[in-house]
Amino acid sequence: MPKSRTQFAAVLPRPPTPRLALSIPEFCEAHGISEGFFYKLKKQGEGPREMKVGARTLITFESAAEWRRTRENQPGRGHRELPES
């Protein structure tokens, strides 16, 4: 007798659920900064946007990308203008 749909579905592995956000420790590790520096940036109003999910604080991948773009575009932060030759 052939297997029922529910029996067949239980056998097939499901694709992993995509991650949509990072915890603060994961964000810090991904960006090569310490948690102390993260909280310093947050206190100065320069941290990424955060969202609360229950007791957890998460940072979406979109917010992390926006934070990186903002920091890249700040004059005097991480890049210098080369003199014209």
N, C-alpha and C. Protein backbone atom coordinates (compact mmCIF):
# COMPACT_ATOMS: atom_id res chain seq x y z
N MET A 1 0.85 -1.18 0.00
CA MET A 1 0.00 0.00 0.00
C MET A 1 0.90 1.25 0.00
N PRO A 2 0.60 2.28 -0.82
CA PRO A 2 1.44 3.48 -0.88
C PRO A 2 1.33 4.30 0.40
N LYS A 3 2.40 5.04 0.68
CA LYS A 3 2.42 5.89 1.87
C LYS A 3 1.44 7.05 1.70
N SER A 4 0.88 7.49 2.81
CA SER A 4 -0.01 8.65 2.74
C SER A 4 0.83 9.91 2.61
N ARG A 5 0.20 11.01 2.26
CA ARG A 5 0.92 12.28 2.10
C ARG A 5 1.61 12.70 3.39
N THR A 6 0.97 12.51 4.51
CA THR A 6 1.59 12.93 5.78
C THR A 6 2.81 12.08 6.10
N GLN A 7 2.77 10.82 5.80
CA GLN A 7 3.94 9.96 6.04
C GLN A 7 5.07 10.36 5.09
N PHE A 8 4.75 10.65 3.84
CA PHE A 8 5.75 11.04 2.85
C PHE A 8 6.37 12.39 3.21
N ALA A 9 5.57 13.34 3.64
CA ALA A 9 6.07 14.67 4.00
C ALA A 9 7.01 14.61 5.19
N ALA A 10 6.77 13.71 6.10
CA ALA A 10 7.62 13.61 7.28
C ALA A 10 9.01 13.08 6.92
N VAL A 11 9.12 12.37 5.82
CA VAL A 11 10.39 11.78 5.42
C VAL A 11 11.29 12.82 4.73
N LEU A 12 10.71 13.72 3.96
CA LEU A 12 11.49 14.71 3.21
C LEU A 12 12.05 15.79 4.14
N PRO A 13 13.34 16.08 4.03
CA PRO A 13 13.89 17.17 4.86
C PRO A 13 13.41 18.53 4.34
N ARG A 14 13.17 19.41 5.25
CA ARG A 14 12.73 20.76 4.88
C ARG A 14 13.94 21.65 4.70
N PRO A 15 13.85 22.60 3.77
CA PRO A 15 14.98 23.54 3.65
C PRO A 15 15.07 24.39 4.91
N PRO A 16 16.27 24.82 5.27
CA PRO A 16 16.41 25.62 6.50
C PRO A 16 15.68 26.96 6.38
N THR A 17 15.14 27.41 7.47
CA THR A 17 14.48 28.71 7.51
C THR A 17 15.55 29.80 7.43
N PRO A 18 15.39 30.75 6.51
CA PRO A 18 16.42 31.80 6.39
C PRO A 18 16.45 32.70 7.62
N ARG A 19 17.64 33.11 8.01
CA ARG A 19 17.81 34.04 9.13
C ARG A 19 17.53 35.44 8.62
N LEU A 20 16.83 36.22 9.40
CA LEU A 20 16.47 37.57 8.99
C LEU A 20 17.05 38.64 9.89
N ALA A 21 17.65 38.25 10.99
CA ALA A 21 18.18 39.23 11.93
C ALA A 21 19.32 38.62 12.74
N LEU A 22 20.11 39.50 13.35
CA LEU A 22 21.26 39.11 14.17
C LEU A 22 21.05 39.57 15.61
N SER A 23 21.55 38.80 16.54
CA SER A 23 21.60 39.26 17.92
C SER A 23 22.73 40.28 18.02
N ILE A 24 22.82 40.99 19.12
CA ILE A 24 23.91 41.97 19.28
C ILE A 24 25.27 41.28 19.25
N PRO A 25 25.48 40.16 19.96
CA PRO A 25 26.78 39.49 19.85
C PRO A 25 27.10 39.03 18.42
N GLU A 26 26.11 38.53 17.70
CA GLU A 26 26.33 38.11 16.31
C GLU A 26 26.67 39.30 15.42
N PHE A 27 25.96 40.43 15.61
CA PHE A 27 26.25 41.64 14.84
C PHE A 27 27.68 42.10 15.10
N CYS A 28 28.09 42.10 16.36
CA CYS A 28 29.44 42.54 16.71
C CYS A 28 30.49 41.63 16.09
N GLU A 29 30.26 40.34 16.16
CA GLU A 29 31.22 39.40 15.56
C GLU A 29 31.30 39.59 14.05
N ALA A 30 30.15 39.76 13.41
CA ALA A 30 30.12 39.92 11.95
C ALA A 30 30.83 41.19 11.50
N HIS A 31 30.83 42.23 12.36
CA HIS A 31 31.41 43.52 11.98
C HIS A 31 32.77 43.77 12.62
N GLY A 32 33.26 42.79 13.37
CA GLY A 32 34.60 42.91 13.94
C GLY A 32 34.73 43.98 15.00
N ILE A 33 33.65 44.19 15.78
CA ILE A 33 33.71 45.17 16.87
C ILE A 33 33.36 44.47 18.18
N SER A 34 33.78 45.06 19.28
CA SER A 34 33.44 44.49 20.59
C SER A 34 32.04 44.92 20.99
N GLU A 35 31.45 44.19 21.91
CA GLU A 35 30.14 44.59 22.42
C GLU A 35 30.24 45.92 23.16
N GLY A 36 31.36 46.13 23.84
CA GLY A 36 31.55 47.42 24.52
C GLY A 36 31.52 48.58 23.55
N PHE A 37 32.19 48.41 22.40
CA PHE A 37 32.21 49.46 21.39
C PHE A 37 30.81 49.64 20.79
N PHE A 38 30.08 48.52 20.60
CA PHE A 38 28.70 48.60 20.11
C PHE A 38 27.86 49.49 21.02
N TYR A 39 27.96 49.25 22.34
CA TYR A 39 27.15 50.03 23.28
C TYR A 39 27.62 51.48 23.35
N LYS A 40 28.90 51.72 23.13
CA LYS A 40 29.41 53.09 23.06
C LYS A 40 28.79 53.81 21.85
N LEU A 41 28.77 53.14 20.70
CA LEU A 41 28.15 53.72 19.51
C LEU A 41 26.65 53.97 19.75
N LYS A 42 26.00 53.01 20.39
CA LYS A 42 24.57 53.14 20.67
C LYS A 42 24.31 54.35 21.55
N LYS A 43 25.13 54.54 22.59
CA LYS A 43 24.98 55.68 23.50
C LYS A 43 25.16 57.00 22.77
N GLN A 44 26.05 57.02 21.76
CA GLN A 44 26.31 58.22 20.98
C GLN A 44 25.27 58.42 19.87
N GLY A 45 24.32 57.49 19.74
CA GLY A 45 23.31 57.59 18.70
C GLY A 45 23.82 57.16 17.33
N GLU A 46 24.93 56.39 17.29
CA GLU A 46 25.53 55.98 16.03
C GLU A 46 25.42 54.48 15.77
N GLY A 47 24.64 53.78 16.56
CA GLY A 47 24.47 52.34 16.37
C GLY A 47 23.40 52.05 15.34
N PRO A 48 23.27 50.78 14.95
CA PRO A 48 22.23 50.41 14.00
C PRO A 48 20.85 50.43 14.66
N ARG A 49 19.81 50.49 13.82
CA ARG A 49 18.44 50.39 14.34
C ARG A 49 18.26 49.00 14.93
N GLU A 50 17.53 48.92 16.02
CA GLU A 50 17.29 47.65 16.71
C GLU A 50 15.79 47.40 16.76
N MET A 51 15.44 46.13 16.95
CA MET A 51 14.03 45.79 17.19
C MET A 51 13.98 44.82 18.36
N LYS A 52 12.94 44.96 19.15
CA LYS A 52 12.74 44.07 20.29
C LYS A 52 11.77 42.97 19.88
N VAL A 53 12.14 41.74 20.20
CA VAL A 53 11.27 40.59 19.99
C VAL A 53 11.21 39.87 21.33
N GLY A 54 10.16 40.13 22.07
CA GLY A 54 10.09 39.63 23.45
C GLY A 54 11.20 40.29 24.25
N ALA A 55 12.03 39.50 24.88
CA ALA A 55 13.14 40.04 25.67
C ALA A 55 14.40 40.22 24.83
N ARG A 56 14.39 39.73 23.59
CA ARG A 56 15.58 39.80 22.73
C ARG A 56 15.65 41.11 21.97
N THR A 57 16.86 41.57 21.73
CA THR A 57 17.12 42.72 20.88
C THR A 57 17.81 42.21 19.63
N LEU A 58 17.23 42.49 18.47
CA LEU A 58 17.77 42.00 17.21
C LEU A 58 18.04 43.16 16.25
N ILE A 59 18.93 42.90 15.31
CA ILE A 59 19.28 43.87 14.28
C ILE A 59 19.05 43.17 12.94
N THR A 60 18.16 43.71 12.13
CA THR A 60 17.88 43.09 10.84
C THR A 60 19.08 43.25 9.91
N PHE A 61 19.16 42.39 8.91
CA PHE A 61 20.24 42.50 7.93
C PHE A 61 20.13 43.84 7.18
N GLU A 62 18.91 44.31 6.94
CA GLU A 62 18.72 45.60 6.26
C GLU A 62 19.25 46.74 7.12
N SER A 63 18.98 46.68 8.42
CA SER A 63 19.46 47.71 9.33
C SER A 63 20.99 47.70 9.41
N ALA A 64 21.58 46.51 9.42
CA ALA A 64 23.04 46.40 9.46
C ALA A 64 23.65 46.99 8.19
N ALA A 65 23.04 46.71 7.04
CA ALA A 65 23.55 47.25 5.77
C ALA A 65 23.41 48.77 5.73
N GLU A 66 22.28 49.28 6.23
CA GLU A 66 22.07 50.73 6.29
C GLU A 66 23.11 51.39 7.19
N TRP A 67 23.40 50.75 8.33
CA TRP A 67 24.40 51.26 9.27
C TRP A 67 25.78 51.32 8.60
N ARG A 68 26.13 50.27 7.87
CA ARG A 68 27.42 50.26 7.16
C ARG A 68 27.49 51.37 6.12
N ARG A 69 26.43 51.54 5.33
CA ARG A 69 26.41 52.60 4.31
C ARG A 69 26.56 53.97 4.95
N THR A 70 25.87 54.21 6.04
CA THR A 70 25.94 55.49 6.74
C THR A 70 27.37 55.76 7.21
N ARG A 71 28.00 54.76 7.78
CA ARG A 71 29.37 54.94 8.28
C ARG A 71 30.36 55.12 7.13
N GLU A 72 30.14 54.44 6.02
CA GLU A 72 31.02 54.60 4.86
C GLU A 72 30.94 56.01 4.29
N ASN A 73 29.77 56.60 4.36
CA ASN A 73 29.55 57.91 3.74
C ASN A 73 29.88 59.09 4.64
N GLN A 74 30.27 58.83 5.90
CA GLN A 74 30.62 59.93 6.80
C GLN A 74 32.01 60.44 6.44
N PRO A 75 32.14 61.75 6.19
CA PRO A 75 33.47 62.27 5.87
C PRO A 75 34.41 62.13 7.06
N GLY A 76 35.66 61.81 6.75
CA GLY A 76 36.67 61.67 7.80
C GLY A 76 36.60 60.38 8.56
N ARG A 77 35.78 59.43 8.14
CA ARG A 77 35.65 58.14 8.84
C ARG A 77 36.10 57.01 7.92
N GLY A 78 37.32 56.56 8.10
CA GLY A 78 37.76 55.36 7.41
C GLY A 78 38.32 55.58 6.02
N HIS A 79 38.24 56.79 5.49
CA HIS A 79 38.85 57.01 4.18
C HIS A 79 39.33 58.43 4.09
N ARG A 80 40.33 58.63 3.22
CA ARG A 80 40.89 59.97 3.03
C ARG A 80 40.73 60.37 1.59
N GLU A 81 40.59 61.63 1.39
CA GLU A 81 40.62 62.17 0.04
C GLU A 81 42.06 62.23 -0.41
N LEU A 82 42.37 61.67 -1.56
CA LEU A 82 43.73 61.75 -2.08
C LEU A 82 43.91 63.05 -2.84
N PRO A 83 45.06 63.70 -2.70
CA PRO A 83 45.28 64.94 -3.44
C PRO A 83 45.33 64.66 -4.93
N GLU A 84 44.79 65.60 -5.69
CA GLU A 84 44.82 65.45 -7.14
C GLU A 84 46.22 65.66 -7.65
N SER A 85 46.65 64.88 -8.63
CA SER A 85 47.98 65.03 -9.17
C SER A 85 47.98 65.91 -10.39
